[in-house]
Amino acid sequence: MAIKVMAEIGIDISAQYSKSLDNFKEVDVDLVVSVCRSGSKINCAICASPIVMGRPELIRSRLPKAKDYLDHPFDDPSEVEGNEEEKIAAFRRTRDEIKEWIIQRFADLKMDKEQ
């Protein structure tokens, strides 16, 4: 469902997959954002690891090259029960909430269009 919902706004995530934090241990990362809500029935890669939301020191120990850390939890649309349309609506809602949060949170950044 996530692939379909993102494609609706022109974003192709069909080649994306969950990755372990270990994949990024040696990578210079400007910003780590955790989006899992505590108590989620389905643990995401970050929540299933020793990293606990609200504990940036654990992020820093697992990702030593990360420069900054933010935690902004969103509801997990994969946990919504119901018919197909209700599930798709949940994915759209979370997608739109994340988009709005990004727009508001990073509104002051100036992006160079040639990058």
N, C-alpha and C. Protein backbone atom coordinates (compact mmCIF):
# COMPACT_ATOMS: atom_id res chain seq x y z
N MET A 1 0.80 -1.20 0.00
CA MET A 1 0.00 0.00 0.00
C MET A 1 0.84 1.26 0.00
N ALA A 2 1.96 1.22 0.74
CA ALA A 2 2.81 2.40 0.82
C ALA A 2 3.33 2.79 -0.57
N ILE A 3 3.68 1.80 -1.38
CA ILE A 3 4.18 2.09 -2.73
C ILE A 3 3.13 2.82 -3.53
N LYS A 4 1.90 2.34 -3.48
CA LYS A 4 0.79 2.96 -4.22
C LYS A 4 0.52 4.38 -3.74
N VAL A 5 0.48 4.56 -2.44
CA VAL A 5 0.15 5.87 -1.85
C VAL A 5 1.24 6.90 -2.15
N MET A 6 2.50 6.48 -2.14
CA MET A 6 3.58 7.41 -2.47
C MET A 6 3.60 7.71 -3.96
N ALA A 7 3.29 6.72 -4.78
CA ALA A 7 3.24 6.93 -6.23
C ALA A 7 2.18 7.97 -6.59
N GLU A 8 1.11 8.05 -5.80
CA GLU A 8 0.06 9.04 -6.05
C GLU A 8 0.60 10.47 -6.06
N ILE A 9 1.68 10.70 -5.32
CA ILE A 9 2.26 12.05 -5.28
C ILE A 9 3.60 12.10 -6.02
N GLY A 10 3.84 11.11 -6.87
CA GLY A 10 5.00 11.13 -7.74
C GLY A 10 6.30 10.66 -7.12
N ILE A 11 6.24 9.91 -6.03
CA ILE A 11 7.44 9.40 -5.38
C ILE A 11 7.47 7.88 -5.54
N ASP A 12 8.54 7.39 -6.19
CA ASP A 12 8.69 5.96 -6.43
C ASP A 12 9.54 5.35 -5.32
N ILE A 13 8.93 4.54 -4.46
CA ILE A 13 9.67 3.87 -3.39
C ILE A 13 9.73 2.36 -3.63
N SER A 14 9.44 1.94 -4.84
CA SER A 14 9.35 0.51 -5.13
C SER A 14 10.68 -0.23 -4.93
N ALA A 15 11.79 0.46 -5.02
CA ALA A 15 13.09 -0.19 -4.83
C ALA A 15 13.61 -0.04 -3.39
N GLN A 16 12.83 0.59 -2.53
CA GLN A 16 13.27 0.81 -1.15
C GLN A 16 12.96 -0.40 -0.28
N TYR A 17 13.73 -0.58 0.79
CA TYR A 17 13.51 -1.68 1.72
C TYR A 17 14.05 -1.28 3.08
N SER A 18 13.61 -1.93 4.11
CA SER A 18 14.10 -1.66 5.46
C SER A 18 15.56 -2.06 5.56
N LYS A 19 16.31 -1.21 6.24
CA LYS A 19 17.74 -1.46 6.41
C LYS A 19 18.09 -1.41 7.89
N SER A 20 19.08 -2.15 8.25
CA SER A 20 19.59 -2.13 9.62
C SER A 20 20.38 -0.85 9.87
N LEU A 21 20.38 -0.39 11.10
CA LEU A 21 21.22 0.75 11.44
C LEU A 21 22.69 0.46 11.17
N ASP A 22 23.07 -0.79 11.24
CA ASP A 22 24.45 -1.17 10.98
C ASP A 22 24.89 -0.78 9.57
N ASN A 23 23.94 -0.68 8.64
CA ASN A 23 24.26 -0.25 7.28
C ASN A 23 24.80 1.18 7.24
N PHE A 24 24.52 1.95 8.29
CA PHE A 24 24.85 3.37 8.29
C PHE A 24 25.90 3.73 9.34
N LYS A 25 26.47 2.73 9.99
CA LYS A 25 27.41 2.96 11.08
C LYS A 25 28.60 3.83 10.64
N GLU A 26 29.10 3.62 9.45
CA GLU A 26 30.28 4.34 8.96
C GLU A 26 29.94 5.48 8.00
N VAL A 27 28.66 5.84 7.90
CA VAL A 27 28.21 6.86 6.97
C VAL A 27 28.06 8.19 7.70
N ASP A 28 28.55 9.27 7.07
CA ASP A 28 28.33 10.61 7.61
C ASP A 28 26.86 10.95 7.38
N VAL A 29 26.12 11.06 8.47
CA VAL A 29 24.69 11.33 8.41
C VAL A 29 24.43 12.69 9.03
N ASP A 30 23.76 13.57 8.29
CA ASP A 30 23.46 14.89 8.82
C ASP A 30 22.36 14.84 9.87
N LEU A 31 21.33 14.03 9.62
CA LEU A 31 20.19 14.02 10.51
C LEU A 31 19.54 12.64 10.55
N VAL A 32 19.31 12.15 11.75
CA VAL A 32 18.56 10.91 11.96
C VAL A 32 17.21 11.33 12.52
N VAL A 33 16.14 10.83 11.91
CA VAL A 33 14.79 11.12 12.40
C VAL A 33 14.11 9.80 12.70
N SER A 34 13.72 9.61 13.95
CA SER A 34 12.92 8.43 14.28
C SER A 34 11.45 8.84 14.23
N VAL A 35 10.64 7.98 13.63
CA VAL A 35 9.23 8.31 13.42
C VAL A 35 8.29 7.30 14.05
N CYS A 36 8.85 6.31 14.74
CA CYS A 36 8.04 5.27 15.36
C CYS A 36 7.37 5.79 16.63
N ARG A 37 6.15 5.39 16.82
CA ARG A 37 5.43 5.75 18.03
C ARG A 37 5.65 4.65 19.06
N SER A 38 5.97 5.04 20.28
CA SER A 38 6.22 4.08 21.36
C SER A 38 5.00 3.19 21.57
N GLY A 39 5.26 1.91 21.79
CA GLY A 39 4.17 0.98 22.03
C GLY A 39 3.59 0.39 20.77
N SER A 40 4.24 0.65 19.66
CA SER A 40 3.76 0.13 18.39
C SER A 40 3.73 -1.40 18.42
N LYS A 41 2.67 -1.98 17.85
CA LYS A 41 2.57 -3.44 17.78
C LYS A 41 3.63 -4.01 16.86
N ILE A 42 3.91 -3.30 15.79
CA ILE A 42 4.91 -3.74 14.82
C ILE A 42 6.13 -2.85 14.99
N ASN A 43 7.24 -3.44 15.42
CA ASN A 43 8.44 -2.65 15.67
C ASN A 43 9.17 -2.33 14.38
N CYS A 44 9.56 -1.08 14.24
CA CYS A 44 10.38 -0.71 13.10
C CYS A 44 11.83 -1.06 13.40
N ALA A 45 12.68 -0.89 12.42
CA ALA A 45 14.09 -1.26 12.59
C ALA A 45 14.73 -0.53 13.76
N ILE A 46 14.40 0.74 13.94
CA ILE A 46 14.99 1.49 15.04
C ILE A 46 14.42 1.02 16.37
N CYS A 47 13.11 0.87 16.46
CA CYS A 47 12.48 0.50 17.72
C CYS A 47 12.88 -0.91 18.16
N ALA A 48 13.15 -1.77 17.21
CA ALA A 48 13.51 -3.14 17.55
C ALA A 48 14.96 -3.24 18.02
N SER A 49 15.72 -2.21 17.76
CA SER A 49 17.12 -2.19 18.20
C SER A 49 17.18 -1.58 19.60
N PRO A 50 18.37 -1.48 20.17
CA PRO A 50 18.48 -0.87 21.51
C PRO A 50 18.17 0.62 21.54
N ILE A 51 17.88 1.20 20.40
CA ILE A 51 17.59 2.63 20.37
C ILE A 51 16.15 2.84 20.83
N VAL A 52 16.00 3.68 21.79
CA VAL A 52 14.68 3.99 22.33
C VAL A 52 14.39 5.45 22.06
N MET A 53 13.18 5.72 21.57
CA MET A 53 12.82 7.10 21.27
C MET A 53 13.04 7.98 22.50
N GLY A 54 13.51 9.19 22.25
CA GLY A 54 13.78 10.11 23.33
C GLY A 54 15.13 9.86 23.99
N ARG A 55 15.94 8.97 23.42
CA ARG A 55 17.26 8.66 23.97
C ARG A 55 18.32 8.88 22.89
N PRO A 56 18.59 10.14 22.54
CA PRO A 56 19.55 10.41 21.47
C PRO A 56 20.94 9.86 21.73
N GLU A 57 21.30 9.65 22.99
CA GLU A 57 22.62 9.08 23.27
C GLU A 57 22.76 7.67 22.70
N LEU A 58 21.64 6.95 22.61
CA LEU A 58 21.68 5.62 22.02
C LEU A 58 21.83 5.69 20.51
N ILE A 59 21.21 6.70 19.90
CA ILE A 59 21.41 6.92 18.46
C ILE A 59 22.89 7.19 18.22
N ARG A 60 23.46 8.06 19.03
CA ARG A 60 24.87 8.43 18.84
C ARG A 60 25.80 7.23 19.02
N SER A 61 25.46 6.32 19.92
CA SER A 61 26.33 5.15 20.12
C SER A 61 26.23 4.18 18.94
N ARG A 62 25.06 4.08 18.31
CA ARG A 62 24.88 3.17 17.17
C ARG A 62 25.28 3.82 15.85
N LEU A 63 25.12 5.14 15.77
CA LEU A 63 25.46 5.88 14.55
C LEU A 63 26.40 7.02 14.93
N PRO A 64 27.66 6.70 15.18
CA PRO A 64 28.59 7.71 15.70
C PRO A 64 28.85 8.88 14.77
N LYS A 65 28.59 8.72 13.47
CA LYS A 65 28.84 9.81 12.53
C LYS A 65 27.60 10.68 12.30
N ALA A 66 26.52 10.39 12.99
CA ALA A 66 25.30 11.20 12.86
C ALA A 66 25.52 12.55 13.55
N LYS A 67 25.19 13.61 12.84
CA LYS A 67 25.41 14.95 13.38
C LYS A 67 24.26 15.44 14.25
N ASP A 68 23.04 15.01 13.96
CA ASP A 68 21.89 15.50 14.72
C ASP A 68 20.81 14.42 14.74
N TYR A 69 19.89 14.55 15.70
CA TYR A 69 18.84 13.56 15.90
C TYR A 69 17.53 14.25 16.24
N LEU A 70 16.46 13.81 15.62
CA LEU A 70 15.11 14.28 15.93
C LEU A 70 14.21 13.07 16.13
N ASP A 71 13.26 13.21 17.02
CA ASP A 71 12.26 12.17 17.22
C ASP A 71 10.90 12.82 17.02
N HIS A 72 10.17 12.35 16.03
CA HIS A 72 8.82 12.86 15.78
C HIS A 72 7.94 11.67 15.40
N PRO A 73 7.25 11.10 16.39
CA PRO A 73 6.46 9.90 16.12
C PRO A 73 5.18 10.15 15.32
N PHE A 74 4.89 9.22 14.46
CA PHE A 74 3.65 9.22 13.68
C PHE A 74 2.95 7.89 13.88
N ASP A 75 1.64 7.89 13.70
CA ASP A 75 0.89 6.63 13.77
C ASP A 75 1.37 5.72 12.65
N ASP A 76 1.45 4.42 12.93
CA ASP A 76 1.88 3.44 11.94
C ASP A 76 0.66 2.99 11.14
N PRO A 77 0.56 3.37 9.87
CA PRO A 77 -0.62 3.01 9.09
C PRO A 77 -0.75 1.51 8.85
N SER A 78 0.34 0.78 8.97
CA SER A 78 0.25 -0.67 8.75
C SER A 78 -0.49 -1.37 9.88
N GLU A 79 -0.72 -0.67 10.98
CA GLU A 79 -1.45 -1.26 12.10
C GLU A 79 -2.96 -1.06 12.02
N VAL A 80 -3.41 -0.27 11.04
CA VAL A 80 -4.84 0.01 10.91
C VAL A 80 -5.56 -1.23 10.40
N GLU A 81 -6.64 -1.54 11.07
CA GLU A 81 -7.48 -2.65 10.64
C GLU A 81 -8.70 -2.09 9.93
N GLY A 82 -9.21 -2.84 9.00
CA GLY A 82 -10.38 -2.40 8.26
C GLY A 82 -10.30 -2.88 6.84
N ASN A 83 -11.19 -2.32 6.01
CA ASN A 83 -11.19 -2.71 4.61
C ASN A 83 -10.06 -2.00 3.86
N GLU A 84 -9.91 -2.34 2.60
CA GLU A 84 -8.82 -1.80 1.78
C GLU A 84 -8.81 -0.27 1.77
N GLU A 85 -9.96 0.34 1.59
CA GLU A 85 -10.03 1.81 1.52
C GLU A 85 -9.66 2.45 2.85
N GLU A 86 -10.05 1.85 3.96
CA GLU A 86 -9.67 2.38 5.27
C GLU A 86 -8.16 2.29 5.49
N LYS A 87 -7.56 1.22 5.04
CA LYS A 87 -6.11 1.06 5.17
C LYS A 87 -5.38 2.06 4.29
N ILE A 88 -5.84 2.22 3.06
CA ILE A 88 -5.22 3.20 2.15
C ILE A 88 -5.37 4.60 2.73
N ALA A 89 -6.52 4.89 3.29
CA ALA A 89 -6.74 6.21 3.90
C ALA A 89 -5.75 6.45 5.04
N ALA A 90 -5.46 5.43 5.81
CA ALA A 90 -4.49 5.56 6.91
C ALA A 90 -3.10 5.86 6.37
N PHE A 91 -2.69 5.19 5.30
CA PHE A 91 -1.40 5.46 4.68
C PHE A 91 -1.34 6.88 4.13
N ARG A 92 -2.42 7.31 3.50
CA ARG A 92 -2.47 8.69 2.98
C ARG A 92 -2.37 9.71 4.11
N ARG A 93 -3.08 9.45 5.19
CA ARG A 93 -3.08 10.36 6.33
C ARG A 93 -1.67 10.50 6.92
N THR A 94 -1.00 9.37 7.13
CA THR A 94 0.35 9.41 7.68
C THR A 94 1.31 10.07 6.69
N ARG A 95 1.19 9.74 5.41
CA ARG A 95 2.02 10.37 4.38
C ARG A 95 1.87 11.89 4.42
N ASP A 96 0.63 12.35 4.49
CA ASP A 96 0.37 13.78 4.48
C ASP A 96 0.84 14.45 5.78
N GLU A 97 0.71 13.75 6.90
CA GLU A 97 1.21 14.30 8.18
C GLU A 97 2.74 14.44 8.14
N ILE A 98 3.41 13.45 7.59
CA ILE A 98 4.88 13.52 7.49
C ILE A 98 5.28 14.66 6.56
N LYS A 99 4.61 14.77 5.43
CA LYS A 99 4.91 15.86 4.49
C LYS A 99 4.73 17.21 5.15
N GLU A 100 3.62 17.40 5.84
CA GLU A 100 3.35 18.69 6.51
C GLU A 100 4.39 18.97 7.59
N TRP A 101 4.77 17.95 8.35
CA TRP A 101 5.78 18.13 9.39
C TRP A 101 7.11 18.55 8.76
N ILE A 102 7.50 17.91 7.67
CA ILE A 102 8.75 18.27 6.99
C ILE A 102 8.70 19.71 6.51
N ILE A 103 7.61 20.10 5.88
CA ILE A 103 7.47 21.47 5.39
C ILE A 103 7.60 22.48 6.52
N GLN A 104 6.91 22.23 7.62
CA GLN A 104 6.96 23.15 8.76
C GLN A 104 8.32 23.13 9.45
N ARG A 105 8.84 21.96 9.72
CA ARG A 105 10.08 21.81 10.49
C ARG A 105 11.29 22.38 9.76
N PHE A 106 11.31 22.23 8.44
CA PHE A 106 12.48 22.63 7.67
C PHE A 106 12.20 23.82 6.76
N ALA A 107 11.19 24.60 7.08
CA ALA A 107 10.80 25.75 6.27
C ALA A 107 11.91 26.78 6.13
N ASP A 108 12.77 26.87 7.12
CA ASP A 108 13.82 27.89 7.10
C ASP A 108 15.05 27.48 6.29
N LEU A 109 15.10 26.23 5.81
CA LEU A 109 16.24 25.78 5.01
C LEU A 109 16.14 26.31 3.59
N LYS A 110 17.23 26.74 3.07
CA LYS A 110 17.29 27.17 1.68
C LYS A 110 17.99 26.07 0.90
N MET A 111 17.31 25.52 -0.07
CA MET A 111 17.88 24.45 -0.87
C MET A 111 18.39 24.99 -2.18
N ASP A 112 19.61 24.62 -2.53
CA ASP A 112 20.19 24.97 -3.81
C ASP A 112 19.64 24.02 -4.86
N LYS A 113 18.92 24.53 -5.82
CA LYS A 113 18.26 23.67 -6.82
C LYS A 113 19.25 22.93 -7.71
N GLU A 114 20.51 23.33 -7.73
CA GLU A 114 21.50 22.65 -8.56
C GLU A 114 22.14 21.48 -7.85
N GLN A 115 21.82 21.23 -6.58
CA GLN A 115 22.41 20.12 -5.83
C GLN A 115 21.85 18.81 -6.27
